[in-house]
Amino acid sequence: MLSIMLQAANGAADGAGRGGIMSFLPFILIIVILWFLMIMPQRKRQKETQKMLEALQVKDKVVTIGGIIAEVAKVKKDTVVLSLGKDVQMEVRKNAIASKLVKEDDKPAEDKK
């Protein structure tokens, strides 16, 4: 009788242990899906933007996050001097540049893909 009760208790404990882990499986699956759908593409975009900012050169046409289209006059460590027209220049931080324009149509590079 005692052995039957011990076997029943062990079986219940084994089932509860597996059920506990299995109850967390949907949450783990949701986190993995969110990682691949949201976090990975964002990291890829950040890396591409960083490469674009590091590759900026004088005479490149850029668009700022405020929508200003200008030509790069000088590249410094953390800032860029933009030429807006004849004798009009402004200095902005590099992270204020949204995209680099393609020379052929002056359309943003990401629209050309």
Protein backbone atom coordinates (compact mmCIF):
# COMPACT_ATOMS: atom_id res chain seq x y z
CA MET A 1 0.00 0.00 0.00
CA LEU A 2 2.80 2.40 0.91
CA SER A 3 4.67 1.62 -2.31
CA ILE A 4 1.54 2.37 -4.38
CA MET A 5 1.18 5.76 -2.67
CA LEU A 6 4.87 6.59 -3.24
CA GLN A 7 4.58 5.65 -6.94
CA ALA A 8 1.49 7.82 -7.29
CA ALA A 9 3.25 10.74 -5.57
CA ASN A 10 6.32 10.37 -7.80
CA GLY A 11 4.15 10.22 -10.92
CA ALA A 12 2.28 13.36 -9.89
CA ALA A 13 5.53 15.19 -9.21
CA ASP A 14 6.95 14.20 -12.61
CA GLY A 15 3.82 15.37 -14.39
CA ALA A 16 3.78 18.69 -12.53
CA GLY A 17 7.43 19.32 -13.38
CA ARG A 18 6.84 18.80 -17.09
CA GLY A 19 3.64 20.80 -17.01
CA GLY A 20 5.44 23.75 -15.41
CA ILE A 21 8.05 23.91 -18.15
CA MET A 22 5.45 23.36 -20.86
CA SER A 23 3.37 26.25 -19.51
CA PHE A 24 6.31 28.62 -20.15
CA LEU A 25 6.84 27.37 -23.71
CA PRO A 26 4.34 29.80 -25.32
CA PHE A 27 6.01 32.77 -23.62
CA ILE A 28 9.43 31.64 -24.78
CA LEU A 29 8.08 31.16 -28.30
CA ILE A 30 6.59 34.69 -28.31
CA ILE A 31 9.91 36.19 -27.19
CA VAL A 32 11.79 34.33 -29.96
CA ILE A 33 9.28 35.50 -32.59
CA LEU A 34 9.51 39.12 -31.39
CA TRP A 35 13.30 38.89 -31.53
CA PHE A 36 13.28 37.87 -35.18
CA LEU A 37 10.49 40.21 -36.28
CA MET A 38 11.44 43.38 -34.41
CA ILE A 39 14.87 43.41 -32.82
CA MET A 40 16.96 41.83 -35.60
CA PRO A 41 15.75 44.17 -38.40
CA GLN A 42 16.24 47.21 -36.16
CA ARG A 43 19.84 46.21 -35.43
CA LYS A 44 20.47 45.71 -39.14
CA ARG A 45 19.11 49.21 -39.92
CA GLN A 46 21.27 50.73 -37.18
CA LYS A 47 24.40 49.09 -38.60
CA GLU A 48 23.58 50.30 -42.13
CA THR A 49 22.98 53.85 -40.88
CA GLN A 50 26.25 53.79 -38.94
CA LYS A 51 28.15 52.65 -42.05
CA MET A 52 26.52 55.44 -44.09
CA LEU A 53 27.48 58.06 -41.51
CA GLU A 54 31.08 56.83 -41.35
CA ALA A 55 31.35 56.90 -45.15
CA LEU A 56 30.15 60.51 -45.55
CA GLN A 57 32.39 62.59 -47.78
CA VAL A 58 32.54 66.17 -48.94
CA LYS A 59 30.10 66.91 -51.82
CA ASP A 60 27.65 64.15 -50.76
CA LYS A 61 24.02 65.27 -50.74
CA VAL A 62 22.15 64.33 -47.57
CA VAL A 63 18.74 64.70 -45.95
CA THR A 64 18.58 65.60 -42.26
CA ILE A 65 15.97 64.25 -39.87
CA GLY A 66 14.29 67.65 -40.15
CA GLY A 67 13.92 67.24 -43.92
CA ILE A 68 16.65 69.69 -44.96
CA ILE A 69 18.45 68.70 -48.16
CA ALA A 70 22.04 69.91 -48.21
CA GLU A 71 25.52 69.16 -49.44
CA VAL A 72 28.33 68.10 -47.10
CA ALA A 73 30.97 70.83 -46.92
CA LYS A 74 33.16 69.40 -44.16
CA VAL A 75 33.21 66.20 -42.11
CA LYS A 76 34.40 66.38 -38.50
CA LYS A 77 34.58 63.71 -35.80
CA ASP A 78 31.02 64.00 -34.44
CA THR A 79 29.58 66.74 -36.64
CA VAL A 80 29.13 67.62 -40.28
CA VAL A 81 29.10 71.09 -41.84
CA LEU A 82 26.31 71.30 -44.42
CA SER A 83 26.15 73.80 -47.25
CA LEU A 84 22.59 74.96 -47.90
CA GLY A 85 23.37 77.42 -50.65
CA LYS A 86 25.71 80.23 -51.51
CA ASP A 87 27.44 81.38 -48.30
CA VAL A 88 24.93 79.51 -46.09
CA GLN A 89 26.31 76.73 -43.91
CA MET A 90 25.19 74.99 -40.78
CA GLU A 91 26.82 72.44 -38.52
CA VAL A 92 24.82 69.42 -37.36
CA ARG A 93 25.61 66.27 -35.43
CA LYS A 94 26.16 63.20 -37.59
CA ASN A 95 23.19 61.39 -36.06
CA ALA A 96 20.93 64.19 -37.38
CA ILE A 97 21.47 62.90 -40.92
CA ALA A 98 18.66 60.60 -42.00
CA SER A 99 19.91 59.45 -45.40
CA LYS A 100 22.32 60.05 -48.24
CA LEU A 101 20.89 61.02 -51.61
CA VAL A 102 21.74 59.11 -54.78
CA LYS A 103 23.32 61.41 -57.36
CA GLU A 104 21.19 60.45 -60.38
CA ASP A 105 17.72 61.63 -59.24
CA ASP A 106 18.42 63.02 -55.77
CA LYS A 107 16.19 60.35 -54.25
CA PRO A 108 17.06 58.70 -50.93
CA ALA A 109 19.27 55.62 -51.32
CA GLU A 110 16.79 53.32 -49.55
CA ASP A 111 14.07 54.21 -52.13
CA LYS A 112 16.30 53.01 -54.98
CA LYS A 113 16.41 49.37 -53.82
